[in-house]
Amino acid sequence: MPPTMNYEPYILNEANMNCCLKYKQYCRSPSPKECQTKGPPTKERVKKPSLSDQLFVPREADTLFWCYYIMLHGDSAYEMLPNKNSLTAKQLKIDYVQKIRENKVTLKIYKFDTLTNLESNLANDDTIRIQTVLALCAIDKCNVMFVRRNSYVELLLNDVGPTYIVREMAGHRYHKQYGYEVATESSLAQIRTLYKVDSLDKPVKGLSAYKVADLLDIARKLGLETTHTATSKQKTKSELYEAIVQYFR
């Protein structure tokens, strides 16, 4: 009798799909035997094409939208989409408009933006705004930390799911690029050394809301100079405040 064939490595199930997706990130296809025994190749064997060990930057133009899509639906759903062009993104965004309309009460609590602006961004703009992503994450109860240079916004809504970090990076001159990663305790601790922003539209309160010590702390977290280079004298309250305001412009 001929030997019995093991068809398990060739079945289109979740385990085999995840294995293939992991190998896709490492630029080659696995053999069935590797899927069963070895797992994805190590960095010594194949170079991983990412900006860091964890950060994933979508290839598509609207990187922020696709970061949100993957956080919501997972890597498999993203990879299985037959097309990830602007037309596909536009149709998905229009579908999310209904989600915005069905969750007006939730969005009024968080006040990331007006409902009109959120809907308009999804329906009309080429790229999604971070305010819109945060609003959608609030609806989905998705834990996310948005990092822009030396400041961050924190949205933690459940104790069960993972926390995602979305990072804004320098990109094309006409639009920004974004990447995302799954947070670890160390990455969260590092982010929390930065300046926490309560409102993206108004990251700095009025001058009277701060003491000099507050402004010194904020300036240091933002990486701003707190003294004059020529004299080494500490900047005044007004000078510190103006430097912080200019940082966010």
Protein backbone atom coordinates (compact mmCIF):
# COMPACT_ATOMS: atom_id res chain seq x y z
CA MET A 1 0.00 0.00 0.00
CA PRO A 2 1.21 3.50 -0.72
CA PRO A 3 2.05 5.60 2.33
CA THR A 4 -0.79 7.63 3.79
CA MET A 5 -0.55 11.33 2.85
CA ASN A 6 -0.80 14.00 5.54
CA TYR A 7 -2.98 16.74 4.06
CA GLU A 8 -3.14 18.83 7.25
CA PRO A 9 -0.47 21.38 6.16
CA TYR A 10 -2.44 22.10 2.96
CA ILE A 11 -5.85 22.71 4.54
CA LEU A 12 -7.02 26.33 4.48
CA ASN A 13 -7.60 26.69 8.22
CA GLU A 14 -6.76 29.45 10.69
CA ALA A 15 -3.45 27.94 11.84
CA ASN A 16 -2.09 27.51 8.31
CA MET A 17 -3.31 30.95 7.23
CA ASN A 18 -1.59 32.60 10.20
CA CYS A 19 1.60 30.70 9.41
CA CYS A 20 1.55 31.88 5.81
CA LEU A 21 0.89 35.47 6.85
CA LYS A 22 3.83 35.39 9.24
CA TYR A 23 6.09 34.14 6.49
CA LYS A 24 4.77 36.77 4.12
CA GLN A 25 6.13 39.43 6.50
CA TYR A 26 9.54 37.77 6.17
CA CYS A 27 9.53 37.85 2.36
CA ARG A 28 9.29 34.15 1.50
CA SER A 29 6.85 31.26 1.58
CA PRO A 30 7.03 28.43 4.12
CA SER A 31 7.15 24.78 3.34
CA PRO A 32 4.40 22.62 4.87
CA LYS A 33 6.99 20.98 7.12
CA GLU A 34 8.16 24.37 8.42
CA CYS A 35 4.59 25.36 9.24
CA GLN A 36 4.32 22.26 11.40
CA THR A 37 7.70 22.38 13.09
CA LYS A 38 9.76 25.51 12.85
CA GLY A 39 7.48 28.53 12.77
CA PRO A 40 8.57 31.76 11.04
CA PRO A 41 12.24 32.18 10.11
CA THR A 42 14.56 34.02 12.46
CA LYS A 43 16.11 37.41 11.78
CA GLU A 44 19.50 35.79 11.18
CA ARG A 45 18.08 33.86 8.22
CA VAL A 46 15.86 36.51 6.61
CA LYS A 47 15.71 40.27 7.09
CA LYS A 48 12.33 41.50 8.24
CA PRO A 49 11.13 44.50 6.17
CA SER A 50 9.94 46.87 8.90
CA LEU A 51 11.11 50.08 10.54
CA SER A 52 11.48 48.34 13.89
CA ASP A 53 10.92 44.91 15.37
CA GLN A 54 7.26 45.66 16.11
CA LEU A 55 6.07 48.67 14.10
CA PHE A 56 4.00 47.90 11.00
CA VAL A 57 3.50 50.61 8.38
CA PRO A 58 0.86 49.78 5.73
CA ARG A 59 1.98 50.08 2.12
CA GLU A 60 -1.18 51.89 1.05
CA ALA A 61 -1.47 55.68 0.77
CA ASP A 62 -3.84 56.20 3.71
CA THR A 63 -1.64 54.48 6.27
CA LEU A 64 -3.67 55.66 9.26
CA PHE A 65 -6.90 54.17 7.91
CA TRP A 66 -5.29 50.79 7.28
CA CYS A 67 -3.73 50.81 10.75
CA TYR A 68 -7.24 51.19 12.15
CA TYR A 69 -8.61 48.49 9.85
CA ILE A 70 -6.00 45.97 10.99
CA MET A 71 -6.52 46.84 14.67
CA LEU A 72 -10.25 46.28 14.24
CA HIS A 73 -10.35 43.25 11.94
CA GLY A 74 -6.91 41.65 12.33
CA ASP A 75 -3.97 40.84 10.06
CA SER A 76 -5.74 37.98 8.29
CA ALA A 77 -8.68 40.15 7.17
CA TYR A 78 -6.27 42.80 5.89
CA GLU A 79 -4.15 40.31 3.94
CA MET A 80 -7.19 38.51 2.51
CA LEU A 81 -8.68 41.66 0.97
CA PRO A 82 -8.39 41.20 -2.82
CA ASN A 83 -7.77 44.92 -3.31
CA LYS A 84 -6.51 47.53 -0.86
CA ASN A 85 -6.66 50.51 -3.17
CA SER A 86 -8.27 53.90 -2.59
CA LEU A 87 -11.63 52.70 -3.93
CA THR A 88 -11.75 49.86 -1.42
CA ALA A 89 -10.76 52.23 1.38
CA LYS A 90 -13.45 54.70 0.32
CA GLN A 91 -16.18 52.04 0.39
CA LEU A 92 -15.09 50.85 3.82
CA LYS A 93 -15.03 54.43 5.12
CA ILE A 94 -18.55 55.05 3.85
CA ASP A 95 -19.65 51.91 5.70
CA TYR A 96 -18.15 53.39 8.88
CA VAL A 97 -20.29 56.51 8.48
CA GLN A 98 -23.27 54.41 9.56
CA LYS A 99 -21.32 53.31 12.62
CA ILE A 100 -20.80 56.98 13.51
CA ARG A 101 -24.53 57.71 13.13
CA GLU A 102 -25.52 54.76 15.30
CA ASN A 103 -23.25 55.79 18.16
CA LYS A 104 -23.87 59.50 18.55
CA VAL A 105 -24.31 59.26 22.31
CA THR A 106 -20.89 57.64 22.79
CA LEU A 107 -19.16 60.17 20.56
CA LYS A 108 -20.72 63.13 22.36
CA ILE A 109 -19.13 61.85 25.58
CA TYR A 110 -15.60 61.79 24.16
CA LYS A 111 -15.89 64.89 21.93
CA PHE A 112 -13.04 64.07 19.58
CA ASP A 113 -14.78 66.10 16.89
CA THR A 114 -18.25 67.09 15.75
CA LEU A 115 -20.39 64.37 14.18
CA THR A 116 -20.53 66.43 10.98
CA ASN A 117 -16.73 66.60 10.74
CA LEU A 118 -16.34 62.90 11.46
CA GLU A 119 -18.84 61.91 8.77
CA SER A 120 -17.36 64.36 6.28
CA ASN A 121 -13.85 63.04 6.86
CA LEU A 122 -14.97 59.47 6.19
CA ALA A 123 -17.15 60.27 3.20
CA ASN A 124 -15.18 62.99 1.43
CA ASP A 125 -11.49 63.13 2.36
CA ASP A 126 -8.67 61.09 0.82
CA THR A 127 -7.07 60.39 4.19
CA ILE A 128 -8.59 59.74 7.59
CA ARG A 129 -7.83 62.02 10.55
CA ILE A 130 -6.63 60.84 13.93
CA GLN A 131 -9.75 62.36 15.54
CA THR A 132 -11.86 60.06 13.40
CA VAL A 133 -9.78 57.00 14.27
CA LEU A 134 -10.04 57.78 17.99
CA ALA A 135 -13.80 58.21 17.63
CA LEU A 136 -14.12 54.83 15.89
CA CYS A 137 -11.89 53.22 18.54
CA ALA A 138 -14.15 54.65 21.25
CA ILE A 139 -17.14 52.98 19.57
CA ASP A 140 -15.23 49.70 19.22
CA LYS A 141 -13.87 49.94 22.80
CA CYS A 142 -10.40 49.53 21.37
CA ASN A 143 -7.44 50.49 23.56
CA VAL A 144 -5.14 52.83 21.66
CA MET A 145 -2.33 55.28 22.36
CA PHE A 146 -1.58 57.84 19.66
CA VAL A 147 1.97 59.19 19.69
CA ARG A 148 2.96 62.37 17.84
CA ARG A 149 6.60 63.31 18.36
CA ASN A 150 6.98 63.80 22.15
CA SER A 151 3.29 63.86 23.05
CA TYR A 152 0.55 61.26 23.23
CA VAL A 153 -3.19 60.72 23.58
CA GLU A 154 -4.43 57.76 25.61
CA LEU A 155 -7.73 55.93 25.10
CA LEU A 156 -8.10 52.89 27.35
CA LEU A 157 -11.60 51.42 27.37
CA ASN A 158 -11.32 47.77 28.39
CA ASP A 159 -9.17 45.56 30.60
CA VAL A 160 -9.26 42.52 28.33
CA GLY A 161 -8.10 43.44 24.83
CA PRO A 162 -4.61 44.49 23.75
CA THR A 163 -3.47 48.11 23.65
CA TYR A 164 -2.33 49.39 20.25
CA ILE A 165 0.19 52.16 19.72
CA VAL A 166 -0.30 54.33 16.63
CA ARG A 167 2.73 56.45 15.80
CA GLU A 168 2.80 59.45 13.49
CA MET A 169 5.97 59.63 11.41
CA ALA A 170 7.53 61.95 8.90
CA GLY A 171 6.20 60.97 5.49
CA HIS A 172 5.39 62.48 2.13
CA ARG A 173 5.48 66.27 2.03
CA TYR A 174 1.71 66.38 1.43
CA HIS A 175 0.60 63.80 4.00
CA LYS A 176 1.87 61.99 7.07
CA GLN A 177 2.61 58.33 7.53
CA TYR A 178 1.46 56.19 10.41
CA GLY A 179 2.44 52.83 11.81
CA TYR A 180 1.04 50.69 14.58
CA GLU A 181 2.28 48.10 17.03
CA VAL A 182 0.91 46.07 19.91
CA ALA A 183 1.96 47.70 23.17
CA THR A 184 4.19 46.07 25.76
CA GLU A 185 4.71 47.13 29.36
CA SER A 186 8.05 48.70 28.45
CA SER A 187 6.71 50.60 25.43
CA LEU A 188 3.78 51.94 27.48
CA ALA A 189 6.15 53.03 30.25
CA GLN A 190 8.32 54.85 27.70
CA ILE A 191 5.36 56.63 26.14
CA ARG A 192 4.11 57.80 29.53
CA THR A 193 7.33 59.76 30.02
CA LEU A 194 6.11 62.04 27.21
CA TYR A 195 3.55 64.85 27.48
CA LYS A 196 -0.03 63.60 27.73
CA VAL A 197 -2.49 65.59 25.62
CA ASP A 198 -6.12 65.70 26.72
CA SER A 199 -7.40 67.37 23.54
CA LEU A 200 -5.85 67.18 20.08
CA ASP A 201 -7.55 70.42 19.09
CA LYS A 202 -6.32 72.22 22.20
CA PRO A 203 -3.17 70.51 23.49
CA VAL A 204 -2.25 73.51 25.68
CA LYS A 205 -4.51 75.37 28.12
CA GLY A 206 -4.38 79.10 28.79
CA LEU A 207 -1.28 80.57 30.44
CA SER A 208 -3.08 81.17 33.74
CA ALA A 209 -3.75 77.42 34.10
CA TYR A 210 -0.06 76.70 34.71
CA LYS A 211 2.60 77.41 37.29
CA VAL A 212 6.23 77.80 36.24
CA ALA A 213 6.97 74.28 37.54
CA ASP A 214 4.18 72.89 35.34
CA LEU A 215 5.58 74.55 32.24
CA LEU A 216 9.11 73.37 33.03
CA ASP A 217 7.84 69.80 33.32
CA ILE A 218 5.91 70.03 30.03
CA ALA A 219 8.87 71.61 28.20
CA ARG A 220 11.23 68.86 29.37
CA LYS A 221 8.80 66.15 28.27
CA LEU A 222 8.55 67.79 24.85
CA GLY A 223 12.34 68.04 24.59
CA LEU A 224 12.35 71.84 24.62
CA GLU A 225 15.10 74.04 26.02
CA THR A 226 14.21 75.53 29.40
CA THR A 227 17.18 77.91 29.63
CA HIS A 228 18.74 80.55 27.39
CA THR A 229 21.81 79.20 25.63
CA ALA A 230 23.83 82.41 25.94
CA THR A 231 23.19 83.14 29.62
CA SER A 232 22.10 79.71 30.99
CA LYS A 233 19.30 81.55 32.77
CA GLN A 234 15.93 79.84 33.08
CA LYS A 235 13.29 81.06 30.67
CA THR A 236 10.42 83.05 32.07
CA LYS A 237 6.91 81.68 32.41
CA SER A 238 5.79 83.52 29.29
CA GLU A 239 8.78 82.30 27.28
CA LEU A 240 8.23 78.69 28.34
CA TYR A 241 4.55 78.90 27.50
CA GLU A 242 5.21 80.41 24.07
CA ALA A 243 7.74 77.70 23.23
CA ILE A 244 5.21 75.01 24.13
CA VAL A 245 2.47 76.67 22.07
CA GLN A 246 4.80 76.92 19.08
CA TYR A 247 5.70 73.24 19.42
CA PHE A 248 2.14 72.24 18.58
CA ARG A 249 1.74 74.57 15.60
